[in-house]
Amino acid sequence: MKLYYSPGSCGLASQIALREAGQAYDLIKVDFKTKTTVAGDYLKVSPKGFIPVLKMDDGDLLTEGAVILQWIADKNPAANLLPPFGTRERYTALEWLNFVASDLHKGMAVMFSPFLDEATKKRFADGNLTSKFEYIDEHLSRNDYVLGAQFSVADAYLYNVLSWPSRVRIDVTGYASIQKFMARMEQRASVRAALQAEGLLAND
């Protein structure tokens, strides 16, 4: 199994989940600007051109981060990365996965655009992201993880996207519960190992 990623991108969540599951995999680095890997044209691997991509041993591809996270959880039930099918908790986890993917992730992606000036980005952040940070912070003030006391793949995705604001000059240090969540996540061996693999630890 191969996970195609670019350092600091949304593939970090898949790495965390794979490590939580104890699933063996190889990391393949993608230059996102040139759409290449050491082996050549990345678009020949994944015509979508996005990451992450999980390539199975039989050659099948799985794309879209939230779907990859669900697949990892369902293929490794002993790791308890998602609640059982049919439970209310399962749908709460999926609700959060979709919220992170469609609202937070897509909103943060705008901030990386080279086509927008800083003033436009600030207006966008103030009008679209602040309310989301407030919602997340309030939820985490009552819960250690998205689902309460139990870690899930939704936490991996949320942590991944919440690691981006500092890269685009968005200050989230005032959200105390988000800061505690990030610190809590960074105590997990899976998170530290994934960060190290991508060269993102402060001492790397």
C-alpha atoms as a PDB file:
ATOM      1  CA  MET A   1       0.000   0.000   0.000  1.00  0.00           C
ATOM      2  CA  LYS A   2       1.246   3.477  -0.899  1.00  0.00           C
ATOM      3  CA  LEU A   3       0.175   6.868   0.416  1.00  0.00           C
ATOM      4  CA  TYR A   4       0.884   9.798  -1.897  1.00  0.00           C
ATOM      5  CA  TYR A   5       1.343  13.021   0.046  1.00  0.00           C
ATOM      6  CA  SER A   6       2.885  16.477   0.054  1.00  0.00           C
ATOM      7  CA  PRO A   7       4.438  17.756   3.307  1.00  0.00           C
ATOM      8  CA  GLY A   8       2.026  19.750   5.430  1.00  0.00           C
ATOM      9  CA  SER A   9      -0.948  19.053   3.187  1.00  0.00           C
ATOM     10  CA  CYS A  10      -4.196  17.233   3.971  1.00  0.00           C
ATOM     11  CA  GLY A  11      -2.461  13.866   3.601  1.00  0.00           C
ATOM     12  CA  LEU A  12      -1.203  14.228   7.166  1.00  0.00           C
ATOM     13  CA  ALA A  13      -4.568  13.025   8.503  1.00  0.00           C
ATOM     14  CA  SER A  14      -4.354   9.812   6.473  1.00  0.00           C
ATOM     15  CA  GLN A  15      -0.851   9.215   7.810  1.00  0.00           C
ATOM     16  CA  ILE A  16      -2.046   9.653  11.377  1.00  0.00           C
ATOM     17  CA  ALA A  17      -4.935   7.252  10.802  1.00  0.00           C
ATOM     18  CA  LEU A  18      -2.730   4.606   9.186  1.00  0.00           C
ATOM     19  CA  ARG A  19      -0.344   4.786  12.128  1.00  0.00           C
ATOM     20  CA  GLU A  20      -3.189   4.592  14.638  1.00  0.00           C
ATOM     21  CA  ALA A  21      -4.408   1.485  12.816  1.00  0.00           C
ATOM     22  CA  GLY A  22      -0.965  -0.108  12.724  1.00  0.00           C
ATOM     23  CA  GLN A  23      -1.326  -0.400   8.946  1.00  0.00           C
ATOM     24  CA  ALA A  24       1.889  -0.835   6.952  1.00  0.00           C
ATOM     25  CA  TYR A  25       2.345   1.572   4.033  1.00  0.00           C
ATOM     26  CA  ASP A  26       4.946   3.335   1.927  1.00  0.00           C
ATOM     27  CA  LEU A  27       5.092   7.119   1.666  1.00  0.00           C
ATOM     28  CA  ILE A  28       5.434   8.634  -1.799  1.00  0.00           C
ATOM     29  CA  LYS A  29       6.209  12.344  -1.828  1.00  0.00           C
ATOM     30  CA  VAL A  30       4.507  14.500  -4.447  1.00  0.00           C
ATOM     31  CA  ASP A  31       5.760  17.892  -5.597  1.00  0.00           C
ATOM     32  CA  PHE A  32       2.373  19.555  -5.649  1.00  0.00           C
ATOM     33  CA  LYS A  33       3.474  22.466  -7.828  1.00  0.00           C
ATOM     34  CA  THR A  34       4.952  20.346 -10.614  1.00  0.00           C
ATOM     35  CA  LYS A  35       2.638  17.340 -10.062  1.00  0.00           C
ATOM     36  CA  THR A  36       5.598  14.974 -10.059  1.00  0.00           C
ATOM     37  CA  THR A  37       7.112  12.263  -7.889  1.00  0.00           C
ATOM     38  CA  VAL A  38      10.609  10.780  -8.066  1.00  0.00           C
ATOM     39  CA  ALA A  39       9.098   8.250 -10.470  1.00  0.00           C
ATOM     40  CA  GLY A  40       7.669  10.858 -12.843  1.00  0.00           C
ATOM     41  CA  ASP A  41       4.286  12.355 -13.712  1.00  0.00           C
ATOM     42  CA  TYR A  42       1.902  12.195 -10.758  1.00  0.00           C
ATOM     43  CA  LEU A  43      -1.083  12.778 -13.044  1.00  0.00           C
ATOM     44  CA  LYS A  44      -0.477   9.313 -14.470  1.00  0.00           C
ATOM     45  CA  VAL A  45      -1.068   7.967 -10.980  1.00  0.00           C
ATOM     46  CA  SER A  46      -4.035  10.167 -10.166  1.00  0.00           C
ATOM     47  CA  PRO A  47      -5.618  12.216 -12.981  1.00  0.00           C
ATOM     48  CA  LYS A  48      -7.350  14.411 -10.378  1.00  0.00           C
ATOM     49  CA  GLY A  49      -3.929  15.713  -9.400  1.00  0.00           C
ATOM     50  CA  PHE A  50      -4.868  16.096  -5.757  1.00  0.00           C
ATOM     51  CA  ILE A  51      -3.606  14.480  -2.600  1.00  0.00           C
ATOM     52  CA  PRO A  52      -3.833  12.296  -0.642  1.00  0.00           C
ATOM     53  CA  VAL A  53      -4.137   9.165  -2.732  1.00  0.00           C
ATOM     54  CA  LEU A  54      -4.039   5.678  -1.277  1.00  0.00           C
ATOM     55  CA  LYS A  55      -2.849   3.074  -3.762  1.00  0.00           C
ATOM     56  CA  MET A  56      -3.748  -0.480  -2.841  1.00  0.00           C
ATOM     57  CA  ASP A  57      -1.475  -3.452  -3.363  1.00  0.00           C
ATOM     58  CA  ASP A  58      -3.720  -4.564  -6.249  1.00  0.00           C
ATOM     59  CA  GLY A  59      -3.308  -1.175  -7.953  1.00  0.00           C
ATOM     60  CA  ASP A  60      -6.715   0.264  -7.092  1.00  0.00           C
ATOM     61  CA  LEU A  61      -6.767   3.913  -6.038  1.00  0.00           C
ATOM     62  CA  LEU A  62      -8.744   5.607  -3.310  1.00  0.00           C
ATOM     63  CA  THR A  63      -8.936   9.403  -3.346  1.00  0.00           C
ATOM     64  CA  GLU A  64     -10.558  12.141  -1.233  1.00  0.00           C
ATOM     65  CA  GLY A  65      -9.166  12.469   2.272  1.00  0.00           C
ATOM     66  CA  ALA A  66     -12.403  11.990   4.208  1.00  0.00           C
ATOM     67  CA  VAL A  67     -13.154   8.794   2.286  1.00  0.00           C
ATOM     68  CA  ILE A  68      -9.641   7.455   2.819  1.00  0.00           C
ATOM     69  CA  LEU A  69     -10.040   8.046   6.546  1.00  0.00           C
ATOM     70  CA  GLN A  70     -13.305   6.101   6.611  1.00  0.00           C
ATOM     71  CA  TRP A  71     -11.729   3.252   4.641  1.00  0.00           C
ATOM     72  CA  ILE A  72      -8.798   3.029   7.063  1.00  0.00           C
ATOM     73  CA  ALA A  73     -11.171   2.955  10.024  1.00  0.00           C
ATOM     74  CA  ASP A  74     -13.466   0.341   8.503  1.00  0.00           C
ATOM     75  CA  LYS A  75     -10.611  -1.913   7.408  1.00  0.00           C
ATOM     76  CA  ASN A  76      -9.106  -1.828  10.889  1.00  0.00           C
ATOM     77  CA  PRO A  77     -12.081  -2.119  13.264  1.00  0.00           C
ATOM     78  CA  ALA A  78      -9.941  -3.199  16.219  1.00  0.00           C
ATOM     79  CA  ALA A  79      -8.358   0.263  16.253  1.00  0.00           C
ATOM     80  CA  ASN A  80     -11.740   1.878  17.069  1.00  0.00           C
ATOM     81  CA  LEU A  81     -11.154   4.799  14.726  1.00  0.00           C
ATOM     82  CA  LEU A  82     -14.873   5.222  13.999  1.00  0.00           C
ATOM     83  CA  PRO A  83     -17.983   4.155  15.925  1.00  0.00           C
ATOM     84  CA  PRO A  84     -19.907   1.088  14.641  1.00  0.00           C
ATOM     85  CA  PHE A  85     -22.168   1.320  11.578  1.00  0.00           C
ATOM     86  CA  GLY A  86     -25.700   2.449  12.328  1.00  0.00           C
ATOM     87  CA  THR A  87     -24.968   4.162  15.633  1.00  0.00           C
ATOM     88  CA  ARG A  88     -25.743   7.799  16.323  1.00  0.00           C
ATOM     89  CA  GLU A  89     -22.086   8.293  17.162  1.00  0.00           C
ATOM     90  CA  ARG A  90     -21.117   7.067  13.699  1.00  0.00           C
ATOM     91  CA  TYR A  91     -23.210   9.745  12.051  1.00  0.00           C
ATOM     92  CA  THR A  92     -21.814  12.390  14.379  1.00  0.00           C
ATOM     93  CA  ALA A  93     -18.316  11.386  13.281  1.00  0.00           C
ATOM     94  CA  LEU A  94     -19.345  11.567   9.616  1.00  0.00           C
ATOM     95  CA  GLU A  95     -20.962  14.941  10.253  1.00  0.00           C
ATOM     96  CA  TRP A  96     -17.637  16.238  11.549  1.00  0.00           C
ATOM     97  CA  LEU A  97     -15.652  14.696   8.713  1.00  0.00           C
ATOM     98  CA  ASN A  98     -17.935  16.446   6.244  1.00  0.00           C
ATOM     99  CA  PHE A  99     -17.813  19.729   8.156  1.00  0.00           C
ATOM    100  CA  VAL A 100     -14.020  19.719   8.169  1.00  0.00           C
ATOM    101  CA  ALA A 101     -13.875  18.759   4.480  1.00  0.00           C
ATOM    102  CA  SER A 102     -16.512  21.096   3.067  1.00  0.00           C
ATOM    103  CA  ASP A 103     -16.344  24.095   5.385  1.00  0.00           C
ATOM    104  CA  LEU A 104     -13.020  24.280   7.176  1.00  0.00           C
ATOM    105  CA  HIS A 105     -10.683  22.648   4.635  1.00  0.00           C
ATOM    106  CA  LYS A 106     -12.127  24.445   1.630  1.00  0.00           C
ATOM    107  CA  GLY A 107     -12.187  27.718   3.519  1.00  0.00           C
ATOM    108  CA  MET A 108      -8.579  27.397   4.584  1.00  0.00           C
ATOM    109  CA  ALA A 109      -7.559  26.495   1.024  1.00  0.00           C
ATOM    110  CA  VAL A 110      -8.638  29.966  -0.100  1.00  0.00           C
ATOM    111  CA  MET A 111      -6.009  31.449   2.201  1.00  0.00           C
ATOM    112  CA  PHE A 112      -3.235  29.709   0.272  1.00  0.00           C
ATOM    113  CA  SER A 113      -4.300  31.208  -3.065  1.00  0.00           C
ATOM    114  CA  PRO A 114      -1.525  33.129  -4.839  1.00  0.00           C
ATOM    115  CA  PHE A 115      -4.159  35.119  -6.725  1.00  0.00           C
ATOM    116  CA  LEU A 116      -5.621  36.982  -3.733  1.00  0.00           C
ATOM    117  CA  ASP A 117      -4.021  39.899  -1.919  1.00  0.00           C
ATOM    118  CA  GLU A 118      -3.641  39.914   1.863  1.00  0.00           C
ATOM    119  CA  ALA A 119      -6.483  42.373   2.425  1.00  0.00           C
ATOM    120  CA  THR A 120      -8.900  40.136   0.514  1.00  0.00           C
ATOM    121  CA  LYS A 121      -7.740  37.090   2.442  1.00  0.00           C
ATOM    122  CA  LYS A 122      -8.247  38.891   5.748  1.00  0.00           C
ATOM    123  CA  ARG A 123     -11.785  39.885   4.795  1.00  0.00           C
ATOM    124  CA  PHE A 124     -12.500  36.306   3.780  1.00  0.00           C
ATOM    125  CA  ALA A 125     -11.089  34.918   7.030  1.00  0.00           C
ATOM    126  CA  ASP A 126     -13.044  37.407   9.139  1.00  0.00           C
ATOM    127  CA  GLY A 127     -16.265  36.682   7.282  1.00  0.00           C
ATOM    128  CA  ASN A 128     -15.981  32.934   6.794  1.00  0.00           C
ATOM    129  CA  LEU A 129     -13.462  31.292   9.109  1.00  0.00           C
ATOM    130  CA  THR A 130     -13.853  33.087  12.430  1.00  0.00           C
ATOM    131  CA  SER A 131     -17.310  31.632  13.075  1.00  0.00           C
ATOM    132  CA  LYS A 132     -16.006  28.152  12.340  1.00  0.00           C
ATOM    133  CA  PHE A 133     -13.113  28.525  14.759  1.00  0.00           C
ATOM    134  CA  GLU A 134     -15.574  29.747  17.397  1.00  0.00           C
ATOM    135  CA  TYR A 135     -17.845  26.743  16.807  1.00  0.00           C
ATOM    136  CA  ILE A 136     -14.949  24.286  17.037  1.00  0.00           C
ATOM    137  CA  ASP A 137     -13.507  25.971  20.120  1.00  0.00           C
ATOM    138  CA  GLU A 138     -16.830  25.846  21.941  1.00  0.00           C
ATOM    139  CA  HIS A 139     -17.279  22.155  21.096  1.00  0.00           C
ATOM    140  CA  LEU A 140     -13.768  21.312  22.267  1.00  0.00           C
ATOM    141  CA  SER A 141     -14.326  23.223  25.509  1.00  0.00           C
ATOM    142  CA  ARG A 142     -16.676  20.367  26.443  1.00  0.00           C
ATOM    143  CA  ASN A 143     -14.849  17.481  24.771  1.00  0.00           C
ATOM    144  CA  ASP A 144     -11.284  16.214  24.661  1.00  0.00           C
ATOM    145  CA  TYR A 145     -11.898  14.931  21.134  1.00  0.00           C
ATOM    146  CA  VAL A 146     -14.570  15.446  18.491  1.00  0.00           C
ATOM    147  CA  LEU A 147     -16.617  12.518  19.814  1.00  0.00           C
ATOM    148  CA  GLY A 148     -15.911  13.174  23.470  1.00  0.00           C
ATOM    149  CA  ALA A 149     -13.334  11.025  25.218  1.00  0.00           C
ATOM    150  CA  GLN A 150     -12.638   8.721  22.259  1.00  0.00           C
ATOM    151  CA  PHE A 151     -10.150   9.591  19.494  1.00  0.00           C
ATOM    152  CA  SER A 152     -11.394   9.062  15.931  1.00  0.00           C
ATOM    153  CA  VAL A 153     -10.274   9.777  12.387  1.00  0.00           C
ATOM    154  CA  ALA A 154     -12.317  12.990  12.596  1.00  0.00           C
ATOM    155  CA  ASP A 155      -9.742  14.252  15.086  1.00  0.00           C
ATOM    156  CA  ALA A 156      -6.910  13.432  12.694  1.00  0.00           C
ATOM    157  CA  TYR A 157      -8.560  15.501   9.963  1.00  0.00           C
ATOM    158  CA  LEU A 158      -9.449  18.360  12.297  1.00  0.00           C
ATOM    159  CA  TYR A 159      -5.901  18.492  13.667  1.00  0.00           C
ATOM    160  CA  ASN A 160      -4.501  18.449  10.138  1.00  0.00           C
ATOM    161  CA  VAL A 161      -6.515  21.468   8.969  1.00  0.00           C
ATOM    162  CA  LEU A 162      -6.114  23.374  12.240  1.00  0.00           C
ATOM    163  CA  SER A 163      -2.354  23.175  11.775  1.00  0.00           C
ATOM    164  CA  TRP A 164      -2.623  25.495   8.763  1.00  0.00           C
ATOM    165  CA  PRO A 165      -3.681  28.915  10.183  1.00  0.00           C
ATOM    166  CA  SER A 166      -0.191  29.879  11.349  1.00  0.00           C
ATOM    167  CA  ARG A 167       1.105  29.279   7.820  1.00  0.00           C
ATOM    168  CA  VAL A 168      -1.251  31.927   6.419  1.00  0.00           C
ATOM    169  CA  ARG A 169      -1.006  34.450   9.253  1.00  0.00           C
ATOM    170  CA  ILE A 170      -4.313  33.598  10.902  1.00  0.00           C
ATOM    171  CA  ASP A 171      -4.041  33.938  14.669  1.00  0.00           C
ATOM    172  CA  VAL A 172      -5.936  31.191  16.508  1.00  0.00           C
ATOM    173  CA  THR A 173      -3.955  31.438  19.748  1.00  0.00           C
ATOM    174  CA  GLY A 174      -6.938  33.094  21.413  1.00  0.00           C
ATOM    175  CA  TYR A 175      -8.997  29.919  21.082  1.00  0.00           C
ATOM    176  CA  ALA A 176      -7.947  28.170  24.285  1.00  0.00           C
ATOM    177  CA  SER A 177      -9.775  24.906  23.649  1.00  0.00           C
ATOM    178  CA  ILE A 178      -8.360  24.587  20.140  1.00  0.00           C
ATOM    179  CA  GLN A 179      -4.877  25.113  21.558  1.00  0.00           C
ATOM    180  CA  LYS A 180      -5.433  22.416  24.179  1.00  0.00           C
ATOM    181  CA  PHE A 181      -6.738  20.048  21.506  1.00  0.00           C
ATOM    182  CA  MET A 182      -3.701  20.620  19.316  1.00  0.00           C
ATOM    183  CA  ALA A 183      -1.361  20.003  22.255  1.00  0.00           C
ATOM    184  CA  ARG A 184      -3.312  16.872  23.215  1.00  0.00           C
ATOM    185  CA  MET A 185      -3.077  15.540  19.682  1.00  0.00           C
ATOM    186  CA  GLU A 186       0.649  16.191  19.545  1.00  0.00           C
ATOM    187  CA  GLN A 187       1.110  13.909  22.531  1.00  0.00           C
ATOM    188  CA  ARG A 188      -0.123  10.965  20.458  1.00  0.00           C
ATOM    189  CA  ALA A 189       2.638   8.782  19.062  1.00  0.00           C
ATOM    190  CA  SER A 190       0.861   8.545  15.696  1.00  0.00           C
ATOM    191  CA  VAL A 191       0.800  12.315  15.280  1.00  0.00           C
ATOM    192  CA  ARG A 192       4.421  12.813  16.240  1.00  0.00           C
ATOM    193  CA  ALA A 193       5.538  10.000  13.938  1.00  0.00           C
ATOM    194  CA  ALA A 194       3.513  11.414  11.031  1.00  0.00           C
ATOM    195  CA  LEU A 195       4.921  14.901  11.595  1.00  0.00           C
ATOM    196  CA  GLN A 196       8.431  13.497  11.735  1.00  0.00           C
ATOM    197  CA  ALA A 197       7.908  11.522   8.529  1.00  0.00           C
ATOM    198  CA  GLU A 198       6.911  14.745   6.760  1.00  0.00           C
ATOM    199  CA  GLY A 199       9.768  16.751   8.281  1.00  0.00           C
ATOM    200  CA  LEU A 200       7.388  18.933  10.264  1.00  0.00           C
ATOM    201  CA  LEU A 201       8.652  18.498  13.810  1.00  0.00           C
ATOM    202  CA  ALA A 202      10.234  21.634  15.211  1.00  0.00           C
ATOM    203  CA  ASN A 203      13.559  19.872  15.832  1.00  0.00           C
ATOM    204  CA  ASP A 204      13.742  18.297  12.349  1.00  0.00           C
END
